C-alpha atoms as a PDB file:
ATOM      1  CA  MET A   1      39.219 -52.935   8.173  1.00  0.00           C
ATOM      2  CA  ASN A   2      39.390 -52.960   4.377  1.00  0.00           C
ATOM      3  CA  LEU A   3      38.907 -49.131   3.865  1.00  0.00           C
ATOM      4  CA  ALA A   4      39.161 -49.342   0.019  1.00  0.00           C
ATOM      5  CA  HIS A   5      36.279 -51.835  -0.103  1.00  0.00           C
ATOM      6  CA  HIS A   6      33.869 -50.143   2.239  1.00  0.00           C
ATOM      7  CA  LYS A   7      34.278 -46.723   0.688  1.00  0.00           C
ATOM      8  CA  THR A   8      33.000 -48.137  -2.657  1.00  0.00           C
ATOM      9  CA  THR A   9      29.948 -49.851  -1.062  1.00  0.00           C
ATOM     10  CA  THR A  10      26.727 -47.767  -1.329  1.00  0.00           C
ATOM     11  CA  ILE A  11      24.346 -48.037   1.626  1.00  0.00           C
ATOM     12  CA  LEU A  12      20.656 -47.533   0.840  1.00  0.00           C
ATOM     13  CA  MET A  13      18.369 -46.729   3.710  1.00  0.00           C
ATOM     14  CA  ALA A  14      14.663 -47.031   3.428  1.00  0.00           C
ATOM     15  CA  ASP A  15      12.890 -45.245   6.327  1.00  0.00           C
ATOM     16  CA  ASP A  16       9.891 -42.937   6.396  1.00  0.00           C
ATOM     17  CA  ASP A  17      11.141 -41.032   9.414  1.00  0.00           C
ATOM     18  CA  PRO A  18      13.384 -38.129   8.533  1.00  0.00           C
ATOM     19  CA  ASP A  19      14.776 -37.907  12.049  1.00  0.00           C
ATOM     20  CA  ASP A  20      15.881 -41.562  11.913  1.00  0.00           C
ATOM     21  CA  ARG A  21      17.419 -40.968   8.511  1.00  0.00           C
ATOM     22  CA  ILE A  22      19.474 -37.949   9.822  1.00  0.00           C
ATOM     23  CA  LEU A  23      20.449 -39.726  13.005  1.00  0.00           C
ATOM     24  CA  THR A  24      21.720 -42.839  11.104  1.00  0.00           C
ATOM     25  CA  LYS A  25      23.670 -40.582   8.669  1.00  0.00           C
ATOM     26  CA  ASP A  26      25.188 -38.710  11.713  1.00  0.00           C
ATOM     27  CA  ALA A  27      26.062 -42.075  13.516  1.00  0.00           C
ATOM     28  CA  LEU A  28      27.727 -43.377  10.368  1.00  0.00           C
ATOM     29  CA  GLU A  29      29.692 -40.182  10.085  1.00  0.00           C
ATOM     30  CA  GLU A  30      30.614 -40.404  13.811  1.00  0.00           C
ATOM     31  CA  ASN A  31      32.121 -43.821  13.008  1.00  0.00           C
ATOM     32  CA  ARG A  32      34.048 -42.276  10.012  1.00  0.00           C
ATOM     33  CA  LEU A  33      32.349 -44.645   7.575  1.00  0.00           C
ATOM     34  CA  ALA A  34      32.808 -42.931   4.322  1.00  0.00           C
ATOM     35  CA  ASN A  35      30.135 -44.979   2.453  1.00  0.00           C
ATOM     36  CA  ASP A  36      27.952 -43.405  -0.183  1.00  0.00           C
ATOM     37  CA  LEU A  37      24.592 -43.135   1.687  1.00  0.00           C
ATOM     38  CA  HIS A  38      21.264 -42.853  -0.171  1.00  0.00           C
ATOM     39  CA  PHE A  39      17.775 -42.563   1.241  1.00  0.00           C
ATOM     40  CA  VAL A  40      14.271 -43.589   0.096  1.00  0.00           C
ATOM     41  CA  GLU A  41      11.163 -42.978   2.132  1.00  0.00           C
ATOM     42  CA  ASP A  42       9.031 -46.150   1.514  1.00  0.00           C
ATOM     43  CA  GLY A  43       8.941 -49.535  -0.133  1.00  0.00           C
ATOM     44  CA  GLU A  44       7.632 -48.203  -3.415  1.00  0.00           C
ATOM     45  CA  GLU A  45      10.506 -45.730  -3.689  1.00  0.00           C
ATOM     46  CA  LEU A  46      13.024 -48.515  -2.545  1.00  0.00           C
ATOM     47  CA  MET A  47      11.836 -50.705  -5.511  1.00  0.00           C
ATOM     48  CA  ASP A  48      11.966 -47.759  -7.929  1.00  0.00           C
ATOM     49  CA  TYR A  49      15.487 -47.012  -6.792  1.00  0.00           C
ATOM     50  CA  LEU A  50      16.615 -50.631  -7.123  1.00  0.00           C
ATOM     51  CA  HIS A  51      15.031 -50.910 -10.555  1.00  0.00           C
ATOM     52  CA  GLN A  52      16.161 -47.404 -11.601  1.00  0.00           C
ATOM     53  CA  ARG A  53      12.574 -46.461 -12.389  1.00  0.00           C
ATOM     54  CA  GLY A  54      10.766 -43.092 -12.216  1.00  0.00           C
ATOM     55  CA  LYS A  55      12.858 -40.340 -10.716  1.00  0.00           C
ATOM     56  CA  TYR A  56      15.762 -42.787 -10.302  1.00  0.00           C
ATOM     57  CA  SER A  57      16.039 -43.474 -14.031  1.00  0.00           C
ATOM     58  CA  GLU A  58      17.782 -40.231 -14.712  1.00  0.00           C
ATOM     59  CA  GLN A  59      19.179 -39.551 -11.265  1.00  0.00           C
ATOM     60  CA  ASN A  60      22.342 -40.811  -9.549  1.00  0.00           C
ATOM     61  CA  ALA A  61      21.225 -44.076  -8.071  1.00  0.00           C
ATOM     62  CA  PRO A  62      24.264 -46.280  -7.497  1.00  0.00           C
ATOM     63  CA  PHE A  63      23.567 -49.966  -6.915  1.00  0.00           C
ATOM     64  CA  PRO A  64      23.645 -50.570  -3.173  1.00  0.00           C
ATOM     65  CA  GLY A  65      25.836 -53.147  -1.512  1.00  0.00           C
ATOM     66  CA  LEU A  66      23.782 -52.983   1.725  1.00  0.00           C
ATOM     67  CA  ILE A  67      20.172 -52.044   2.422  1.00  0.00           C
ATOM     68  CA  LEU A  68      19.082 -50.740   5.892  1.00  0.00           C
ATOM     69  CA  LEU A  69      15.299 -51.381   5.859  1.00  0.00           C
ATOM     70  CA  ASP A  70      12.558 -50.104   8.182  1.00  0.00           C
ATOM     71  CA  LEU A  71       9.492 -52.347   8.386  1.00  0.00           C
ATOM     72  CA  ASN A  72       6.770 -49.883   9.100  1.00  0.00           C
ATOM     73  CA  MET A  73       6.579 -47.550   6.111  1.00  0.00           C
ATOM     74  CA  PRO A  74       3.635 -46.159   3.945  1.00  0.00           C
ATOM     75  CA  ARG A  75       2.655 -47.384   0.466  1.00  0.00           C
ATOM     76  CA  LYS A  76       4.680 -50.547   0.609  1.00  0.00           C
ATOM     77  CA  ASP A  77       6.086 -51.693   3.977  1.00  0.00           C
ATOM     78  CA  GLY A  78       9.455 -53.317   4.492  1.00  0.00           C
ATOM     79  CA  ARG A  79       8.113 -56.743   4.642  1.00  0.00           C
ATOM     80  CA  GLU A  80       6.631 -56.476   1.156  1.00  0.00           C
ATOM     81  CA  ALA A  81       9.738 -54.789  -0.237  1.00  0.00           C
ATOM     82  CA  LEU A  82      11.955 -57.470   1.399  1.00  0.00           C
ATOM     83  CA  ALA A  83       9.902 -60.257  -0.250  1.00  0.00           C
ATOM     84  CA  GLU A  84      10.280 -58.591  -3.671  1.00  0.00           C
ATOM     85  CA  ILE A  85      13.999 -58.008  -3.210  1.00  0.00           C
ATOM     86  CA  LYS A  86      14.694 -61.578  -2.243  1.00  0.00           C
ATOM     87  CA  ALA A  87      12.507 -62.967  -5.002  1.00  0.00           C
ATOM     88  CA  HIS A  88      14.324 -60.986  -7.764  1.00  0.00           C
ATOM     89  CA  PRO A  89      17.427 -62.707  -9.316  1.00  0.00           C
ATOM     90  CA  LYS A  90      19.536 -59.461  -9.562  1.00  0.00           C
ATOM     91  CA  LEU A  91      18.556 -58.143  -6.168  1.00  0.00           C
ATOM     92  CA  LYS A  92      18.339 -61.228  -3.907  1.00  0.00           C
ATOM     93  CA  HIS A  93      22.146 -61.113  -3.190  1.00  0.00           C
ATOM     94  CA  ILE A  94      22.094 -57.661  -1.624  1.00  0.00           C
ATOM     95  CA  PRO A  95      22.360 -57.987   2.166  1.00  0.00           C
ATOM     96  CA  VAL A  96      19.360 -56.438   3.899  1.00  0.00           C
ATOM     97  CA  ILE A  97      19.482 -55.299   7.615  1.00  0.00           C
ATOM     98  CA  VAL A  98      16.127 -54.662   9.090  1.00  0.00           C
ATOM     99  CA  LEU A  99      16.462 -51.601  11.333  1.00  0.00           C
ATOM    100  CA  THR A 100      13.097 -51.008  12.889  1.00  0.00           C
ATOM    101  CA  THR A 101      11.323 -50.102  16.137  1.00  0.00           C
ATOM    102  CA  SER A 102       9.378 -53.441  16.087  1.00  0.00           C
ATOM    103  CA  LYS A 103      10.423 -56.046  18.567  1.00  0.00           C
ATOM    104  CA  ALA A 104       7.555 -58.395  17.508  1.00  0.00           C
ATOM    105  CA  GLU A 105       8.595 -62.053  17.297  1.00  0.00           C
ATOM    106  CA  GLU A 106       6.357 -62.378  14.258  1.00  0.00           C
ATOM    107  CA  ASP A 107       8.377 -59.670  12.431  1.00  0.00           C
ATOM    108  CA  ILE A 108      11.652 -61.336  13.400  1.00  0.00           C
ATOM    109  CA  PHE A 109      10.608 -64.745  12.217  1.00  0.00           C
ATOM    110  CA  LYS A 110       8.851 -63.528   9.034  1.00  0.00           C
ATOM    111  CA  THR A 111      11.822 -61.315   7.920  1.00  0.00           C
ATOM    112  CA  TYR A 112      14.326 -64.115   8.456  1.00  0.00           C
ATOM    113  CA  ASP A 113      12.008 -66.455   6.552  1.00  0.00           C
ATOM    114  CA  LEU A 114      12.065 -63.909   3.749  1.00  0.00           C
ATOM    115  CA  GLY A 115      15.799 -63.870   3.774  1.00  0.00           C
ATOM    116  CA  VAL A 116      16.874 -60.851   5.748  1.00  0.00           C
ATOM    117  CA  SER A 117      20.582 -60.798   6.737  1.00  0.00           C
ATOM    118  CA  SER A 118      20.059 -59.279  10.157  1.00  0.00           C
ATOM    119  CA  PHE A 119      17.294 -57.917  12.299  1.00  0.00           C
ATOM    120  CA  ILE A 120      18.162 -54.953  14.632  1.00  0.00           C
ATOM    121  CA  THR A 121      15.761 -52.963  16.809  1.00  0.00           C
ATOM    122  CA  LYS A 122      16.435 -49.269  16.513  1.00  0.00           C
ATOM    123  CA  PRO A 123      18.340 -48.006  19.550  1.00  0.00           C
ATOM    124  CA  VAL A 124      16.666 -45.339  21.667  1.00  0.00           C
ATOM    125  CA  THR A 125      19.691 -43.107  22.150  1.00  0.00           C
ATOM    126  CA  PHE A 126      22.040 -41.533  19.652  1.00  0.00           C
ATOM    127  CA  GLU A 127      25.074 -43.053  21.613  1.00  0.00           C
ATOM    128  CA  ASP A 128      23.556 -46.531  21.216  1.00  0.00           C
ATOM    129  CA  LEU A 129      22.934 -45.895  17.545  1.00  0.00           C
ATOM    130  CA  VAL A 130      26.578 -44.895  17.106  1.00  0.00           C
ATOM    131  CA  GLN A 131      27.531 -48.249  18.680  1.00  0.00           C
ATOM    132  CA  VAL A 132      25.141 -50.197  16.433  1.00  0.00           C
ATOM    133  CA  THR A 133      26.398 -48.417  13.274  1.00  0.00           C
ATOM    134  CA  LYS A 134      30.021 -49.092  14.389  1.00  0.00           C
ATOM    135  CA  ALA A 135      29.136 -52.763  14.691  1.00  0.00           C
ATOM    136  CA  ILE A 136      27.403 -52.826  11.315  1.00  0.00           C
ATOM    137  CA  GLY A 137      30.496 -51.138   9.751  1.00  0.00           C
ATOM    138  CA  ASN A 138      32.904 -53.495  11.409  1.00  0.00           C
ATOM    139  CA  TYR A 139      31.061 -56.578  10.325  1.00  0.00           C
ATOM    140  CA  TRP A 140      29.721 -55.705   6.940  1.00  0.00           C
ATOM    141  CA  PHE A 141      32.696 -53.741   5.702  1.00  0.00           C
ATOM    142  CA  GLY A 142      35.624 -55.106   7.739  1.00  0.00           C
ATOM    143  CA  ILE A 143      34.919 -58.784   8.079  1.00  0.00           C
ATOM    144  CA  VAL A 144      32.524 -60.286   5.481  1.00  0.00           C
ATOM    145  CA  GLU A 145      32.930 -60.315   1.735  1.00  0.00           C
ATOM    146  CA  LEU A 146      30.013 -58.614   0.026  1.00  0.00           C
ATOM    147  CA  PRO A 147      28.881 -59.712  -3.419  1.00  0.00           C
ATOM    148  CA  GLN A 148      29.578 -57.475  -6.373  1.00  0.00           C
ATOM    149  CA  ARG A 149      26.659 -56.500  -8.542  1.00  0.00           C
ATOM    150  CA  ILE A 150      25.544 -59.284 -10.825  1.00  0.00           C
ATOM    151  CA  GLU A 151      24.526 -57.919 -14.287  1.00  0.00           C
END
């Protein structure tokens, strides 16, 4: 695994459930993934982060190399945020992994139509989440080449 590369890749997780955020952080740490991890709680906050608006204009908001996206969030859901990300010239290259409780075929088809990189149903147990985050780390930071930020 290219450790130098994956340490520099920021992961941005958009999820309104604080328990899911903590469990994902713990699972990534369990796998010794040293990525910089940032959290937002809904699609509006996700877009503010990506555009460095509002509280993210002055704050440390490094550009993400990977987004973990929940679909069912308040204010702006993951589907709407995904559509905005993939329609924006400077954001569309960021790989987005849907990590959601939804198993609906409609959500799977719609998110792939919108350009999602992967669709993963959230595991029920922490042990399974550790395995999923290990696979994410191996694939996204050990195998594929991620695009660098385009100015």
